[in-house]
Amino acid sequence: MAFNQIVDNHTRASYGVNVTENPIIAVLHGSTKPDEDLLAPVLKQANVRFTTADDLPRALDGAQILFAYDFFSHAVPDAWSSANALEWIHIASAGVERFMFDELSDSDVVVTNSRGIFDPHIAEYVLGQILAFAKDFPTSWTLQQQREWKHRESERIAGKHAVVVGTGPIGRAIGRLLSAAGLRVTGSGRRAQTDDPDFGTIVAQEELPDVLRTADYVVSIAPSTPQTRHMFNAELFQAMKPTARFINVGRGDLTVTDDLVAALRDGTIAGAALDVTDPEPLPADHPLWTLDNVMITPHNAGDVVGWRDDLVTLFVENFERWTAGTELLNIVDKQRGYVPG
């Protein structure tokens, strides 16, 4: 076969694929492939080339569509010279920074992402981490392992102030859920706004240091762009209360990691919950692992049971729009690096 994991002739025939008349789709995957039953509407109409990073250049040759199911892959820039017929890339994640290299940004290729899939799941994760901090569940677990009955008091979350940095769909889902749990929520985005339906008040990024001074919880969910990378630095951590907790569910490179470690060590802030880190994966010898006021998860805040199926379903819906000639969902502004709205 031309590709190491191309749909074989039997599979093509079972889906009625006519390889001479149908568009070519390269599906970039890692160790996990998308469910072919969910892809059935696509397989019936297209010549689908399942490929890993090593064979991506050959898979892209003549392909009109790339489904980047492996959204952690860095293979697309190196294979770009083979994208001689590409019209559309769909990325199976909300963040698209790995794909925003100059050749793609300057091209006519349309980029769409998976905005909307992860919103409620990440919001639940953030609320869970806030509750873990307030109720000190990590210490309770440790004491349980030691079979020690030790009475302690916990904190309320109702009435606490949460600042959500990033006002896209995920940030808004976080804001709504935290408000429902009784927290007072402020958003921070590119532009200031009052009477926002989800946040009430949104402050512009340049006003962020001032609003952080009253924050009990600071949630980072901004996209990774040249304007946001390393925005959480020593200056912003110094602006926070010593009792504040920092929760990063956006991208690791939004934070200057050494500044975060220093702030956690010297008591500038009280704690951090990190679903994303820089570097990522976090090396085993990294000092963040050893800090008792840090909770770390492996970039899985939005990965609830069925999430991979949801990603495939969204791509199928967008493919049906593509074949019908209607506007695609979640078109990314390639200069900004996210879907405007």
Protein backbone atom coordinates (compact mmCIF):
# COMPACT_ATOMS: atom_id res chain seq x y z
CA MET A 1 0.00 0.00 0.00
CA ALA A 2 1.14 3.58 -0.59
CA PHE A 3 0.63 4.55 3.04
CA ASN A 4 1.34 2.55 6.16
CA GLN A 5 -2.22 2.79 7.43
CA ILE A 6 -4.33 3.66 4.39
CA VAL A 7 -7.91 2.35 4.28
CA ASP A 8 -7.55 -0.99 2.48
CA ASN A 9 -9.48 -1.96 -0.65
CA HIS A 10 -11.93 -4.09 1.30
CA THR A 11 -12.78 -1.20 3.63
CA ARG A 12 -13.12 1.18 0.70
CA ALA A 13 -15.47 -1.16 -1.09
CA SER A 14 -17.57 -1.68 2.03
CA TYR A 15 -18.11 2.07 2.22
CA GLY A 16 -18.66 2.44 -1.53
CA VAL A 17 -15.68 4.75 -2.04
CA ASN A 18 -14.81 5.61 -5.62
CA VAL A 19 -11.17 6.65 -5.37
CA THR A 20 -11.09 8.27 -8.80
CA GLU A 21 -14.00 10.65 -8.25
CA ASN A 22 -13.87 11.49 -4.58
CA PRO A 23 -11.73 14.03 -2.72
CA ILE A 24 -8.58 12.86 -0.99
CA ILE A 25 -8.38 13.29 2.79
CA ALA A 26 -5.22 12.74 4.82
CA VAL A 27 -5.99 11.75 8.40
CA LEU A 28 -2.97 12.38 10.61
CA HIS A 29 -3.08 10.23 13.74
CA GLY A 30 -0.77 8.95 16.42
CA SER A 31 -1.15 5.72 18.35
CA THR A 32 -4.95 6.09 18.29
CA LYS A 33 -6.94 6.24 15.04
CA PRO A 34 -10.35 7.87 14.72
CA ASP A 35 -13.31 5.48 14.87
CA GLU A 36 -14.04 4.35 11.31
CA ASP A 37 -17.72 3.71 12.05
CA LEU A 38 -18.12 7.37 13.01
CA LEU A 39 -16.17 8.33 9.88
CA ALA A 40 -18.49 6.27 7.67
CA PRO A 41 -20.17 9.33 6.04
CA VAL A 42 -16.71 10.56 5.04
CA LEU A 43 -15.43 7.16 3.91
CA LYS A 44 -18.42 6.84 1.59
CA GLN A 45 -17.51 10.02 -0.25
CA ALA A 46 -13.74 10.32 -0.05
CA ASN A 47 -10.45 8.58 -0.56
CA VAL A 48 -9.18 8.55 3.02
CA ARG A 49 -5.48 8.12 3.73
CA PHE A 50 -4.78 7.25 7.37
CA THR A 51 -1.21 8.23 8.08
CA THR A 52 1.25 8.83 10.88
CA ALA A 53 3.78 11.64 10.97
CA ASP A 54 6.50 9.70 9.12
CA ASP A 55 4.34 9.18 6.03
CA LEU A 56 2.52 12.51 6.12
CA PRO A 57 4.40 14.00 3.11
CA ARG A 58 3.19 11.18 0.86
CA ALA A 59 -0.32 11.32 2.32
CA LEU A 60 -0.56 15.06 1.63
CA ASP A 61 0.42 14.74 -2.01
CA GLY A 62 -2.80 15.50 -3.91
CA ALA A 63 -4.96 15.71 -0.77
CA GLN A 64 -7.61 18.44 -0.56
CA ILE A 65 -8.26 18.00 3.17
CA LEU A 66 -6.11 17.26 6.21
CA PHE A 67 -7.81 16.04 9.37
CA ALA A 68 -5.20 16.61 12.09
CA TYR A 69 -6.58 14.08 14.55
CA ASP A 70 -3.16 13.98 16.23
CA PHE A 71 -3.28 17.59 17.35
CA PHE A 72 -0.03 17.26 19.32
CA SER A 73 1.94 16.47 16.18
CA HIS A 74 4.61 18.84 14.89
CA ALA A 75 4.79 17.05 11.51
CA VAL A 76 2.76 19.42 9.34
CA PRO A 77 5.39 22.19 8.82
CA ASP A 78 8.00 19.64 7.67
CA ALA A 79 5.52 18.03 5.28
CA TRP A 80 4.12 21.31 3.95
CA SER A 81 5.99 21.21 0.64
CA SER A 82 3.91 18.14 -0.28
CA ALA A 83 0.60 19.96 0.31
CA ASN A 84 0.14 20.74 -3.37
CA ALA A 85 -3.67 20.56 -3.48
CA LEU A 86 -4.66 21.32 0.10
CA GLU A 87 -7.75 23.45 0.64
CA TRP A 88 -8.72 22.84 4.26
CA ILE A 89 -7.18 21.66 7.54
CA HIS A 90 -9.38 20.61 10.44
CA ILE A 91 -7.60 20.37 13.80
CA ALA A 92 -8.95 18.12 16.54
CA SER A 93 -8.29 20.61 19.32
CA ALA A 94 -9.31 24.11 20.36
CA GLY A 95 -5.72 25.39 20.39
CA VAL A 96 -4.04 25.67 17.00
CA GLU A 97 -0.65 27.19 17.82
CA ARG A 98 1.30 24.15 16.57
CA PHE A 99 -0.15 24.73 13.10
CA MET A 100 0.29 28.48 12.80
CA PHE A 101 3.59 28.43 10.91
CA ASP A 102 4.22 31.18 8.37
CA GLU A 103 3.63 29.14 5.21
CA LEU A 104 0.20 28.04 6.37
CA SER A 105 -0.75 31.43 7.79
CA ASP A 106 0.13 33.11 4.49
CA SER A 107 -1.64 30.52 2.34
CA ASP A 108 -5.25 30.29 1.16
CA VAL A 109 -5.80 27.06 3.10
CA VAL A 110 -8.78 27.32 5.44
CA VAL A 111 -8.16 26.19 9.03
CA THR A 112 -10.92 25.05 11.39
CA ASN A 113 -10.65 23.81 14.95
CA SER A 114 -12.70 21.84 17.49
CA ARG A 115 -14.05 24.79 19.42
CA GLY A 116 -17.03 23.86 21.56
CA ILE A 117 -16.12 20.24 22.29
CA PHE A 118 -14.22 20.83 25.52
CA ASP A 119 -16.09 23.78 27.05
CA PRO A 120 -18.21 22.09 29.78
CA HIS A 121 -15.57 19.50 30.63
CA ILE A 122 -12.82 22.02 31.30
CA ALA A 123 -15.24 24.17 33.28
CA GLU A 124 -15.99 21.18 35.52
CA TYR A 125 -12.27 20.56 35.96
CA VAL A 126 -11.69 24.15 37.07
CA LEU A 127 -14.54 23.99 39.58
CA GLY A 128 -13.17 20.67 40.83
CA GLN A 129 -9.72 22.16 41.40
CA ILE A 130 -11.19 25.15 43.22
CA LEU A 131 -13.11 22.78 45.49
CA ALA A 132 -9.98 20.67 46.02
CA PHE A 133 -8.10 23.76 47.17
CA ALA A 134 -10.92 25.08 49.36
CA LYS A 135 -11.68 21.73 50.99
CA ASP A 136 -8.03 20.61 51.02
CA PHE A 137 -8.78 17.20 49.55
CA PRO A 138 -5.07 16.37 48.95
CA THR A 139 -4.34 16.61 52.69
CA SER A 140 -7.46 14.56 53.51
CA TRP A 141 -6.23 11.83 51.17
CA THR A 142 -2.77 11.88 52.74
CA LEU A 143 -4.20 11.65 56.25
CA GLN A 144 -6.44 8.79 55.15
CA GLN A 145 -3.42 6.84 53.89
CA GLN A 146 -1.82 7.44 57.29
CA ARG A 147 -5.06 6.40 59.09
CA GLU A 148 -4.99 9.65 60.99
CA TRP A 149 -8.24 11.27 62.20
CA LYS A 150 -7.38 14.96 62.28
CA HIS A 151 -10.07 17.61 62.44
CA ARG A 152 -9.50 20.62 60.21
CA GLU A 153 -11.50 23.57 58.93
CA SER A 154 -11.99 24.30 55.25
CA GLU A 155 -12.76 27.35 53.14
CA ARG A 156 -15.96 28.48 51.46
CA ILE A 157 -15.98 29.14 47.74
CA ALA A 158 -19.21 31.14 47.70
CA GLY A 159 -18.38 34.82 47.59
CA LYS A 160 -14.78 34.28 46.51
CA HIS A 161 -13.47 36.22 43.51
CA ALA A 162 -12.34 34.33 40.40
CA VAL A 163 -10.62 36.07 37.50
CA VAL A 164 -10.89 34.12 34.23
CA VAL A 165 -8.21 35.19 31.75
CA GLY A 166 -9.56 34.31 28.32
CA THR A 167 -13.11 35.08 27.25
CA GLY A 168 -13.61 32.55 24.47
CA PRO A 169 -16.19 29.74 24.70
CA ILE A 170 -14.23 27.72 27.28
CA GLY A 171 -13.60 30.78 29.43
CA ARG A 172 -17.29 31.64 29.26
CA ALA A 173 -18.31 28.10 30.26
CA ILE A 174 -15.95 28.41 33.23
CA GLY A 175 -17.41 31.79 34.15
CA ARG A 176 -20.99 30.50 34.04
CA LEU A 177 -20.23 27.44 36.17
CA LEU A 178 -18.23 29.35 38.77
CA SER A 179 -20.97 31.96 39.01
CA ALA A 180 -23.53 29.20 39.54
CA ALA A 181 -21.35 27.84 42.35
CA GLY A 182 -21.52 31.23 44.09
CA LEU A 183 -18.22 32.79 43.09
CA ARG A 184 -17.93 36.37 41.89
CA VAL A 185 -16.38 36.18 38.43
CA THR A 186 -14.49 38.75 36.37
CA GLY A 187 -13.26 38.11 32.84
CA SER A 188 -10.10 39.42 31.21
CA GLY A 189 -9.82 39.67 27.44
CA ARG A 190 -8.58 41.82 24.59
CA ARG A 191 -11.19 44.53 25.17
CA ALA A 192 -12.97 45.83 28.26
CA GLN A 193 -16.71 45.31 28.47
CA THR A 194 -19.49 45.89 30.98
CA ASP A 195 -22.77 44.00 31.33
CA ASP A 196 -21.34 40.90 29.68
CA PRO A 197 -23.86 38.02 29.86
CA ASP A 198 -21.34 35.52 31.23
CA PHE A 199 -18.85 37.62 33.20
CA GLY A 200 -20.64 40.83 34.01
CA THR A 201 -17.36 42.73 33.77
CA ILE A 202 -14.49 42.05 31.38
CA VAL A 203 -11.27 43.99 31.86
CA ALA A 204 -8.71 44.54 29.13
CA GLN A 205 -5.40 42.71 29.38
CA GLU A 206 -3.51 45.87 30.37
CA GLU A 207 -5.82 46.23 33.40
CA LEU A 208 -5.17 42.68 34.58
CA PRO A 209 -2.60 43.49 37.32
CA ASP A 210 -5.11 45.72 39.10
CA VAL A 211 -7.95 43.19 39.11
CA LEU A 212 -5.63 40.37 40.23
CA ARG A 213 -5.08 42.14 43.54
CA THR A 214 -8.55 41.04 44.71
CA ALA A 215 -8.60 37.58 43.08
CA ASP A 216 -8.83 34.40 45.15
CA TYR A 217 -8.57 32.19 42.06
CA VAL A 218 -6.91 33.09 38.76
CA VAL A 219 -7.86 30.87 35.83
CA SER A 220 -5.72 30.94 32.67
CA ILE A 221 -7.61 29.85 29.55
CA ALA A 222 -6.32 32.33 26.95
CA PRO A 223 -5.13 31.00 23.57
CA SER A 224 -1.40 30.79 22.93
CA THR A 225 -0.53 33.75 20.69
CA PRO A 226 2.45 36.11 20.46
CA GLN A 227 0.46 38.55 22.64
CA THR A 228 -0.29 36.03 25.42
CA ARG A 229 2.85 33.88 25.62
CA HIS A 230 4.61 34.30 28.97
CA MET A 231 1.99 36.78 30.14
CA PHE A 232 1.94 35.16 33.60
CA ASN A 233 5.33 36.28 34.82
CA ALA A 234 6.85 37.48 38.10
CA GLU A 235 5.07 40.83 37.79
CA LEU A 236 1.62 39.27 37.55
CA PHE A 237 2.30 36.78 40.33
CA GLN A 238 3.46 39.66 42.54
CA ALA A 239 0.15 41.40 41.82
CA MET A 240 -1.82 38.47 43.29
CA LYS A 241 -2.76 38.00 46.93
CA PRO A 242 -0.57 35.58 48.90
CA THR A 243 -3.71 33.47 49.41
CA ALA A 244 -4.49 33.28 45.66
CA ARG A 245 -4.45 30.05 43.68
CA PHE A 246 -3.47 29.89 40.00
CA ILE A 247 -5.18 27.41 37.66
CA ASN A 248 -3.81 26.95 34.13
CA VAL A 249 -6.02 25.09 31.66
CA GLY A 250 -4.96 27.12 28.61
CA ARG A 251 -1.44 26.49 27.39
CA GLY A 252 1.78 25.98 29.29
CA ASP A 253 3.61 28.74 27.46
CA LEU A 254 1.23 31.36 28.84
CA THR A 255 3.35 31.10 31.99
CA VAL A 256 7.01 31.78 32.70
CA THR A 257 7.58 28.50 34.52
CA ASP A 258 10.60 29.62 36.54
CA ASP A 259 8.64 32.63 37.80
CA LEU A 260 5.75 30.38 38.79
CA VAL A 261 8.06 28.02 40.70
CA ALA A 262 9.60 30.97 42.53
CA ALA A 263 6.18 32.41 43.42
CA LEU A 264 5.02 29.06 44.79
CA ARG A 265 8.20 28.50 46.77
CA ASP A 266 8.39 31.90 48.43
CA GLY A 267 4.68 32.24 49.21
CA THR A 268 3.91 34.95 46.67
CA ILE A 269 0.84 32.82 45.83
CA ALA A 270 -0.69 29.97 47.81
CA GLY A 271 -0.93 27.26 45.19
CA ALA A 272 -1.40 26.18 41.60
CA ALA A 273 -3.35 23.59 39.63
CA LEU A 274 -1.70 22.92 36.30
CA ASP A 275 -3.26 20.88 33.51
CA VAL A 276 -0.71 22.35 31.08
CA THR A 277 2.97 23.08 31.64
CA ASP A 278 6.00 24.43 29.87
CA PRO A 279 7.78 22.18 29.04
CA GLU A 280 5.22 19.50 28.31
CA PRO A 281 5.28 16.65 29.16
CA LEU A 282 6.77 17.82 32.45
CA PRO A 283 10.16 16.12 32.99
CA ALA A 284 10.34 13.80 35.99
CA ASP A 285 13.06 15.89 37.62
CA HIS A 286 11.20 19.21 37.29
CA PRO A 287 10.79 21.13 40.59
CA LEU A 288 7.02 21.54 40.09
CA TRP A 289 6.57 17.86 40.95
CA THR A 290 8.04 18.34 44.41
CA LEU A 291 5.96 21.33 45.55
CA ASP A 292 3.23 20.36 48.01
CA ASN A 293 1.03 23.31 47.00
CA VAL A 294 0.76 22.19 43.35
CA MET A 295 -1.67 19.79 41.69
CA ILE A 296 -0.61 18.53 38.23
CA THR A 297 -2.65 16.69 35.60
CA PRO A 298 -1.36 15.55 32.18
CA HIS A 299 -3.25 17.94 29.84
CA ASN A 300 -6.48 15.99 30.18
CA ALA A 301 -8.88 18.53 31.72
CA GLY A 302 -11.25 18.23 28.76
CA ASP A 303 -10.78 14.54 28.05
CA VAL A 304 -13.96 12.97 29.39
CA VAL A 305 -15.28 9.60 28.24
CA GLY A 306 -16.34 9.94 24.59
CA TRP A 307 -14.30 13.05 23.79
CA ARG A 308 -12.48 11.43 20.86
CA ASP A 309 -15.80 10.43 19.31
CA ASP A 310 -17.03 14.00 19.67
CA LEU A 311 -13.96 15.24 17.77
CA VAL A 312 -14.68 12.87 14.88
CA THR A 313 -18.36 13.79 14.82
CA LEU A 314 -17.49 17.47 14.49
CA PHE A 315 -15.12 16.76 11.61
CA VAL A 316 -17.81 14.72 9.84
CA GLU A 317 -20.28 17.60 10.23
CA ASN A 318 -17.75 20.04 8.80
CA PHE A 319 -16.93 17.66 5.92
CA GLU A 320 -20.61 17.51 5.01
CA ARG A 321 -20.63 21.31 4.96
CA TRP A 322 -17.52 21.28 2.77
CA THR A 323 -19.07 18.92 0.24
CA ALA A 324 -22.29 20.98 0.23
CA GLY A 325 -20.36 24.21 -0.32
CA THR A 326 -21.70 25.83 2.87
CA GLU A 327 -19.69 27.76 5.44
CA LEU A 328 -17.52 25.66 7.70
CA LEU A 329 -17.81 25.70 11.48
CA ASN A 330 -15.01 27.19 13.60
CA ILE A 331 -12.97 28.98 10.94
CA VAL A 332 -9.73 30.16 12.54
CA ASP A 333 -8.38 33.65 11.95
CA LYS A 334 -4.85 32.58 11.02
CA GLN A 335 -3.34 35.92 11.95
CA ARG A 336 -4.93 35.97 15.42
CA GLY A 337 -4.56 32.23 16.03
CA TYR A 338 -8.12 31.53 17.17
CA VAL A 339 -11.76 31.63 16.07
CA PRO A 340 -13.09 35.19 16.45
CA GLY A 341 -16.39 35.75 18.14
